[in-house]
């Protein structure tokens, strides 16, 4: 028999979840990835049992907080970018919004990596949402037409990786957003070698 859809949270449970996620993002930003769940519960003003009912471990809490940030801060920018008459400008705004959010949530992203919350499919929702904007830019002739979706996924991974090499609060990542945007332009572009499929597992995995 098909399983029943999950019931929506009661209003008080939804408020508690929101307070916990907000406290987690604040504390990780302030202190790094070793903040105890008990301290997050105190900052949120809830009991530790309430926290565990919603988020049984740090991995689930961190993953949910990262997804919340994406939904609240990046998706609206994506939707606005699709309405922008200049697809390249819209793409620039999306990349800047994504990098800005990731820089603010740097410690939480590091925690997600440590806890194994980041999987090969973690960015699928973002890439799928970005695809129509890239395609629109290709039709308008402002994004090179030999770009494929797997290229976009890898380029975003490379772009995000620069945060591991600098103080994310200094905004040095903006340099690489400009470099990536220039690389995506069809002007002066060299022909690309054939694309290869994504590898799902690391060597030896």
C-alpha atoms as a PDB file:
ATOM      1  CA  UNK A   1       0.000   0.000   0.000  1.00  0.00           C
ATOM      2  CA  UNK A   2       1.248   3.541  -0.692  1.00  0.00           C
ATOM      3  CA  UNK A   3       2.566   5.342   2.374  1.00  0.00           C
ATOM      4  CA  UNK A   4       0.684   8.367   3.640  1.00  0.00           C
ATOM      5  CA  UNK A   5       2.274  11.765   2.959  1.00  0.00           C
ATOM      6  CA  UNK A   6       3.991  13.337   5.987  1.00  0.00           C
ATOM      7  CA  UNK A   7       1.688  15.466   8.079  1.00  0.00           C
ATOM      8  CA  UNK A   8       2.463  19.174   8.148  1.00  0.00           C
ATOM      9  CA  UNK A   9       4.078  20.407  11.335  1.00  0.00           C
ATOM     10  CA  UNK A  10       1.891  22.047  13.958  1.00  0.00           C
ATOM     11  CA  UNK A  11       2.439  25.784  14.242  1.00  0.00           C
ATOM     12  CA  UNK A  12       4.420  25.480  17.479  1.00  0.00           C
ATOM     13  CA  UNK A  13       6.576  22.663  16.070  1.00  0.00           C
ATOM     14  CA  UNK A  14       7.264  24.702  12.923  1.00  0.00           C
ATOM     15  CA  UNK A  15       8.280  27.694  15.056  1.00  0.00           C
ATOM     16  CA  UNK A  16      10.608  25.525  17.113  1.00  0.00           C
ATOM     17  CA  UNK A  17      12.219  24.098  13.992  1.00  0.00           C
ATOM     18  CA  UNK A  18      12.742  27.589  12.623  1.00  0.00           C
ATOM     19  CA  UNK A  19      14.325  28.755  15.896  1.00  0.00           C
ATOM     20  CA  UNK A  20      16.635  25.727  15.973  1.00  0.00           C
ATOM     21  CA  UNK A  21      17.786  26.238  12.391  1.00  0.00           C
ATOM     22  CA  UNK A  22      18.383  29.946  12.972  1.00  0.00           C
ATOM     23  CA  UNK A  23      20.367  29.224  16.146  1.00  0.00           C
ATOM     24  CA  UNK A  24      22.436  26.592  14.362  1.00  0.00           C
ATOM     25  CA  UNK A  25      23.368  28.948  11.531  1.00  0.00           C
ATOM     26  CA  UNK A  26      24.280  31.710  14.001  1.00  0.00           C
ATOM     27  CA  UNK A  27      26.409  29.495  16.231  1.00  0.00           C
ATOM     28  CA  UNK A  28      28.208  27.727  13.407  1.00  0.00           C
ATOM     29  CA  UNK A  29      29.031  31.118  11.881  1.00  0.00           C
ATOM     30  CA  UNK A  30      30.333  32.365  15.239  1.00  0.00           C
ATOM     31  CA  UNK A  31      32.124  29.300  16.553  1.00  0.00           C
ATOM     32  CA  UNK A  32      32.733  26.722  13.855  1.00  0.00           C
ATOM     33  CA  UNK A  33      31.549  23.171  13.437  1.00  0.00           C
ATOM     34  CA  UNK A  34      32.183  21.858  16.966  1.00  0.00           C
ATOM     35  CA  UNK A  35      29.195  23.555  18.631  1.00  0.00           C
ATOM     36  CA  UNK A  36      27.315  20.996  20.814  1.00  0.00           C
ATOM     37  CA  UNK A  37      23.659  20.383  20.009  1.00  0.00           C
ATOM     38  CA  UNK A  38      22.843  21.279  23.618  1.00  0.00           C
ATOM     39  CA  UNK A  39      24.160  24.790  23.038  1.00  0.00           C
ATOM     40  CA  UNK A  40      22.133  25.147  19.865  1.00  0.00           C
ATOM     41  CA  UNK A  41      19.028  24.119  21.823  1.00  0.00           C
ATOM     42  CA  UNK A  42      19.797  26.745  24.501  1.00  0.00           C
ATOM     43  CA  UNK A  43      20.289  29.479  21.909  1.00  0.00           C
ATOM     44  CA  UNK A  44      16.989  28.481  20.278  1.00  0.00           C
ATOM     45  CA  UNK A  45      15.178  28.480  23.633  1.00  0.00           C
ATOM     46  CA  UNK A  46      14.011  24.872  23.349  1.00  0.00           C
ATOM     47  CA  UNK A  47      14.775  21.683  25.224  1.00  0.00           C
ATOM     48  CA  UNK A  48      17.315  19.234  23.850  1.00  0.00           C
ATOM     49  CA  UNK A  49      14.541  16.635  23.483  1.00  0.00           C
ATOM     50  CA  UNK A  50      12.681  19.020  21.173  1.00  0.00           C
ATOM     51  CA  UNK A  51      15.784  19.442  19.050  1.00  0.00           C
ATOM     52  CA  UNK A  52      16.354  15.687  18.782  1.00  0.00           C
ATOM     53  CA  UNK A  53      12.733  15.081  17.759  1.00  0.00           C
ATOM     54  CA  UNK A  54      13.237  17.265  14.706  1.00  0.00           C
ATOM     55  CA  UNK A  55      16.952  16.700  14.068  1.00  0.00           C
ATOM     56  CA  UNK A  56      18.271  13.365  15.389  1.00  0.00           C
ATOM     57  CA  UNK A  57      21.927  14.249  14.747  1.00  0.00           C
ATOM     58  CA  UNK A  58      24.203  17.039  13.547  1.00  0.00           C
ATOM     59  CA  UNK A  59      24.298  15.736   9.980  1.00  0.00           C
ATOM     60  CA  UNK A  60      20.520  16.099   9.594  1.00  0.00           C
ATOM     61  CA  UNK A  61      20.510  19.516  11.281  1.00  0.00           C
ATOM     62  CA  UNK A  62      23.305  20.873   9.090  1.00  0.00           C
ATOM     63  CA  UNK A  63      21.826  19.501   5.876  1.00  0.00           C
ATOM     64  CA  UNK A  64      18.420  20.991   6.693  1.00  0.00           C
ATOM     65  CA  UNK A  65      19.923  24.367   7.561  1.00  0.00           C
ATOM     66  CA  UNK A  66      21.843  24.470   4.284  1.00  0.00           C
ATOM     67  CA  UNK A  67      18.706  23.546   2.338  1.00  0.00           C
ATOM     68  CA  UNK A  68      16.792  26.274   4.153  1.00  0.00           C
ATOM     69  CA  UNK A  69      19.393  28.865   3.179  1.00  0.00           C
ATOM     70  CA  UNK A  70      19.176  27.795  -0.454  1.00  0.00           C
ATOM     71  CA  UNK A  71      15.372  27.915  -0.474  1.00  0.00           C
ATOM     72  CA  UNK A  72      15.142  31.299   1.238  1.00  0.00           C
ATOM     73  CA  UNK A  73      18.068  33.142  -0.341  1.00  0.00           C
ATOM     74  CA  UNK A  74      19.071  31.574  -3.660  1.00  0.00           C
ATOM     75  CA  UNK A  75      15.820  30.329  -5.202  1.00  0.00           C
ATOM     76  CA  UNK A  76      14.185  33.807  -5.150  1.00  0.00           C
ATOM     77  CA  UNK A  77      17.239  35.250  -6.939  1.00  0.00           C
ATOM     78  CA  UNK A  78      17.017  32.459  -9.517  1.00  0.00           C
ATOM     79  CA  UNK A  79      13.365  33.246 -10.154  1.00  0.00           C
ATOM     80  CA  UNK A  80      14.152  36.956 -10.579  1.00  0.00           C
ATOM     81  CA  UNK A  81      17.088  36.146 -12.870  1.00  0.00           C
ATOM     82  CA  UNK A  82      14.781  34.237 -15.227  1.00  0.00           C
ATOM     83  CA  UNK A  83      12.807  37.460 -15.672  1.00  0.00           C
ATOM     84  CA  UNK A  84      15.892  39.622 -16.265  1.00  0.00           C
ATOM     85  CA  UNK A  85      16.127  40.811 -19.870  1.00  0.00           C
ATOM     86  CA  UNK A  86      19.896  40.198 -19.710  1.00  0.00           C
ATOM     87  CA  UNK A  87      20.501  36.457 -19.024  1.00  0.00           C
ATOM     88  CA  UNK A  88      24.210  37.006 -18.340  1.00  0.00           C
ATOM     89  CA  UNK A  89      23.434  39.626 -15.702  1.00  0.00           C
ATOM     90  CA  UNK A  90      20.881  37.271 -14.179  1.00  0.00           C
ATOM     91  CA  UNK A  91      23.430  34.452 -14.064  1.00  0.00           C
ATOM     92  CA  UNK A  92      25.957  36.780 -12.425  1.00  0.00           C
ATOM     93  CA  UNK A  93      23.438  37.631  -9.703  1.00  0.00           C
ATOM     94  CA  UNK A  94      22.740  33.958  -9.050  1.00  0.00           C
ATOM     95  CA  UNK A  95      26.429  33.085  -8.796  1.00  0.00           C
ATOM     96  CA  UNK A  96      27.069  36.028  -6.477  1.00  0.00           C
ATOM     97  CA  UNK A  97      24.082  35.132  -4.290  1.00  0.00           C
ATOM     98  CA  UNK A  98      25.186  31.493  -4.071  1.00  0.00           C
ATOM     99  CA  UNK A  99      28.770  32.386  -3.203  1.00  0.00           C
ATOM    100  CA  UNK A 100      27.690  35.008  -0.670  1.00  0.00           C
ATOM    101  CA  UNK A 101      25.417  32.521   1.098  1.00  0.00           C
ATOM    102  CA  UNK A 102      28.089  29.825   1.039  1.00  0.00           C
ATOM    103  CA  UNK A 103      30.682  32.223   2.438  1.00  0.00           C
ATOM    104  CA  UNK A 104      28.348  33.142   5.317  1.00  0.00           C
ATOM    105  CA  UNK A 105      27.575  29.472   5.950  1.00  0.00           C
ATOM    106  CA  UNK A 106      31.198  28.429   5.466  1.00  0.00           C
ATOM    107  CA  UNK A 107      31.528  26.733   8.869  1.00  0.00           C
ATOM    108  CA  UNK A 108      28.260  24.896   8.343  1.00  0.00           C
ATOM    109  CA  UNK A 109      29.398  23.749   4.919  1.00  0.00           C
ATOM    110  CA  UNK A 110      32.641  22.505   6.475  1.00  0.00           C
ATOM    111  CA  UNK A 111      30.600  20.654   9.093  1.00  0.00           C
ATOM    112  CA  UNK A 112      28.418  19.106   6.391  1.00  0.00           C
ATOM    113  CA  UNK A 113      31.540  17.887   4.636  1.00  0.00           C
ATOM    114  CA  UNK A 114      32.914  16.452   7.898  1.00  0.00           C
ATOM    115  CA  UNK A 115      29.615  14.732   8.736  1.00  0.00           C
ATOM    116  CA  UNK A 116      29.205  13.256   5.266  1.00  0.00           C
ATOM    117  CA  UNK A 117      26.116  15.378   4.575  1.00  0.00           C
ATOM    118  CA  UNK A 118      27.507  16.495   1.223  1.00  0.00           C
ATOM    119  CA  UNK A 119      26.868  13.852  -1.407  1.00  0.00           C
ATOM    120  CA  UNK A 120      27.298  13.750  -5.157  1.00  0.00           C
ATOM    121  CA  UNK A 121      23.605  14.651  -5.487  1.00  0.00           C
ATOM    122  CA  UNK A 122      23.653  17.501  -2.968  1.00  0.00           C
ATOM    123  CA  UNK A 123      23.734  20.188  -5.675  1.00  0.00           C
ATOM    124  CA  UNK A 124      21.225  18.569  -8.033  1.00  0.00           C
ATOM    125  CA  UNK A 125      18.361  20.838  -7.013  1.00  0.00           C
ATOM    126  CA  UNK A 126      20.466  23.938  -7.624  1.00  0.00           C
ATOM    127  CA  UNK A 127      21.799  22.753 -10.989  1.00  0.00           C
ATOM    128  CA  UNK A 128      18.317  21.809 -12.196  1.00  0.00           C
ATOM    129  CA  UNK A 129      17.047  25.250 -11.188  1.00  0.00           C
ATOM    130  CA  UNK A 130      20.011  26.924 -12.910  1.00  0.00           C
ATOM    131  CA  UNK A 131      19.619  25.000 -16.194  1.00  0.00           C
ATOM    132  CA  UNK A 132      16.786  27.153 -17.687  1.00  0.00           C
ATOM    133  CA  UNK A 133      18.816  30.317 -17.050  1.00  0.00           C
ATOM    134  CA  UNK A 134      21.878  28.866 -18.793  1.00  0.00           C
ATOM    135  CA  UNK A 135      19.758  27.691 -21.734  1.00  0.00           C
ATOM    136  CA  UNK A 136      18.162  31.123 -21.996  1.00  0.00           C
ATOM    137  CA  UNK A 137      21.615  32.712 -22.101  1.00  0.00           C
ATOM    138  CA  UNK A 138      22.679  30.310 -24.847  1.00  0.00           C
ATOM    139  CA  UNK A 139      19.634  31.188 -26.939  1.00  0.00           C
ATOM    140  CA  UNK A 140      20.444  34.874 -26.456  1.00  0.00           C
ATOM    141  CA  UNK A 141      24.055  34.296 -27.545  1.00  0.00           C
ATOM    142  CA  UNK A 142      25.639  35.504 -24.278  1.00  0.00           C
ATOM    143  CA  UNK A 143      26.661  32.054 -22.992  1.00  0.00           C
ATOM    144  CA  UNK A 144      28.731  29.689 -25.127  1.00  0.00           C
ATOM    145  CA  UNK A 145      26.505  27.160 -26.826  1.00  0.00           C
ATOM    146  CA  UNK A 146      28.831  24.170 -26.288  1.00  0.00           C
ATOM    147  CA  UNK A 147      28.277  24.319 -22.512  1.00  0.00           C
ATOM    148  CA  UNK A 148      26.432  21.265 -21.116  1.00  0.00           C
ATOM    149  CA  UNK A 149      24.768  20.756 -17.749  1.00  0.00           C
ATOM    150  CA  UNK A 150      27.569  18.561 -16.396  1.00  0.00           C
ATOM    151  CA  UNK A 151      29.967  21.437 -17.175  1.00  0.00           C
ATOM    152  CA  UNK A 152      27.829  23.733 -15.040  1.00  0.00           C
ATOM    153  CA  UNK A 153      27.866  21.260 -12.150  1.00  0.00           C
ATOM    154  CA  UNK A 154      31.665  20.961 -12.273  1.00  0.00           C
ATOM    155  CA  UNK A 155      32.177  24.710 -12.688  1.00  0.00           C
ATOM    156  CA  UNK A 156      30.065  25.377  -9.588  1.00  0.00           C
ATOM    157  CA  UNK A 157      32.102  22.811  -7.642  1.00  0.00           C
ATOM    158  CA  UNK A 158      35.318  24.530  -8.718  1.00  0.00           C
ATOM    159  CA  UNK A 159      33.921  27.950  -7.873  1.00  0.00           C
ATOM    160  CA  UNK A 160      32.799  26.880  -4.411  1.00  0.00           C
ATOM    161  CA  UNK A 161      36.154  25.219  -3.775  1.00  0.00           C
ATOM    162  CA  UNK A 162      37.942  28.574  -3.764  1.00  0.00           C
ATOM    163  CA  UNK A 163      36.351  29.260  -0.363  1.00  0.00           C
ATOM    164  CA  UNK A 164      38.606  26.579   1.167  1.00  0.00           C
ATOM    165  CA  UNK A 165      41.648  28.616   0.069  1.00  0.00           C
ATOM    166  CA  UNK A 166      40.831  31.993   1.639  1.00  0.00           C
ATOM    167  CA  UNK A 167      39.074  33.790   4.454  1.00  0.00           C
ATOM    168  CA  UNK A 168      35.491  33.604   3.139  1.00  0.00           C
ATOM    169  CA  UNK A 169      34.540  36.840   4.900  1.00  0.00           C
ATOM    170  CA  UNK A 170      36.990  38.877   2.816  1.00  0.00           C
ATOM    171  CA  UNK A 171      34.982  38.448  -0.392  1.00  0.00           C
ATOM    172  CA  UNK A 172      37.942  37.255  -2.455  1.00  0.00           C
ATOM    173  CA  UNK A 173      35.591  34.819  -4.176  1.00  0.00           C
ATOM    174  CA  UNK A 174      34.203  37.702  -6.272  1.00  0.00           C
ATOM    175  CA  UNK A 175      37.354  37.605  -8.423  1.00  0.00           C
ATOM    176  CA  UNK A 176      36.562  34.033  -9.448  1.00  0.00           C
ATOM    177  CA  UNK A 177      32.920  34.752 -10.228  1.00  0.00           C
ATOM    178  CA  UNK A 178      34.160  37.303 -12.785  1.00  0.00           C
ATOM    179  CA  UNK A 179      36.674  34.818 -14.198  1.00  0.00           C
ATOM    180  CA  UNK A 180      33.995  32.135 -14.557  1.00  0.00           C
ATOM    181  CA  UNK A 181      31.558  34.504 -16.236  1.00  0.00           C
ATOM    182  CA  UNK A 182      34.223  35.543 -18.736  1.00  0.00           C
ATOM    183  CA  UNK A 183      34.972  31.860 -19.424  1.00  0.00           C
ATOM    184  CA  UNK A 184      31.295  31.236 -20.191  1.00  0.00           C
ATOM    185  CA  UNK A 185      31.154  34.021 -22.765  1.00  0.00           C
ATOM    186  CA  UNK A 186      31.166  32.949 -26.435  1.00  0.00           C
ATOM    187  CA  UNK A 187      33.423  35.869 -27.375  1.00  0.00           C
ATOM    188  CA  UNK A 188      36.896  34.568 -28.191  1.00  0.00           C
ATOM    189  CA  UNK A 189      36.008  31.073 -26.929  1.00  0.00           C
ATOM    190  CA  UNK A 190      38.118  28.142 -28.089  1.00  0.00           C
ATOM    191  CA  UNK A 191      36.421  24.879 -29.152  1.00  0.00           C
ATOM    192  CA  UNK A 192      35.954  22.521 -26.229  1.00  0.00           C
ATOM    193  CA  UNK A 193      37.104  18.891 -26.159  1.00  0.00           C
ATOM    194  CA  UNK A 194      34.257  16.365 -25.813  1.00  0.00           C
ATOM    195  CA  UNK A 195      32.389  16.320 -22.504  1.00  0.00           C
ATOM    196  CA  UNK A 196      32.766  13.263 -20.290  1.00  0.00           C
ATOM    197  CA  UNK A 197      30.075  11.917 -17.940  1.00  0.00           C
ATOM    198  CA  UNK A 198      30.165  12.572 -14.232  1.00  0.00           C
ATOM    199  CA  UNK A 199      31.929   9.969 -12.159  1.00  0.00           C
ATOM    200  CA  UNK A 200      29.694   8.934  -9.276  1.00  0.00           C
ATOM    201  CA  UNK A 201      32.375   7.330  -7.144  1.00  0.00           C
ATOM    202  CA  UNK A 202      35.923   8.241  -6.312  1.00  0.00           C
ATOM    203  CA  UNK A 203      38.746   5.867  -7.306  1.00  0.00           C
ATOM    204  CA  UNK A 204      38.839   2.972  -4.859  1.00  0.00           C
ATOM    205  CA  UNK A 205      35.324   3.824  -3.603  1.00  0.00           C
END
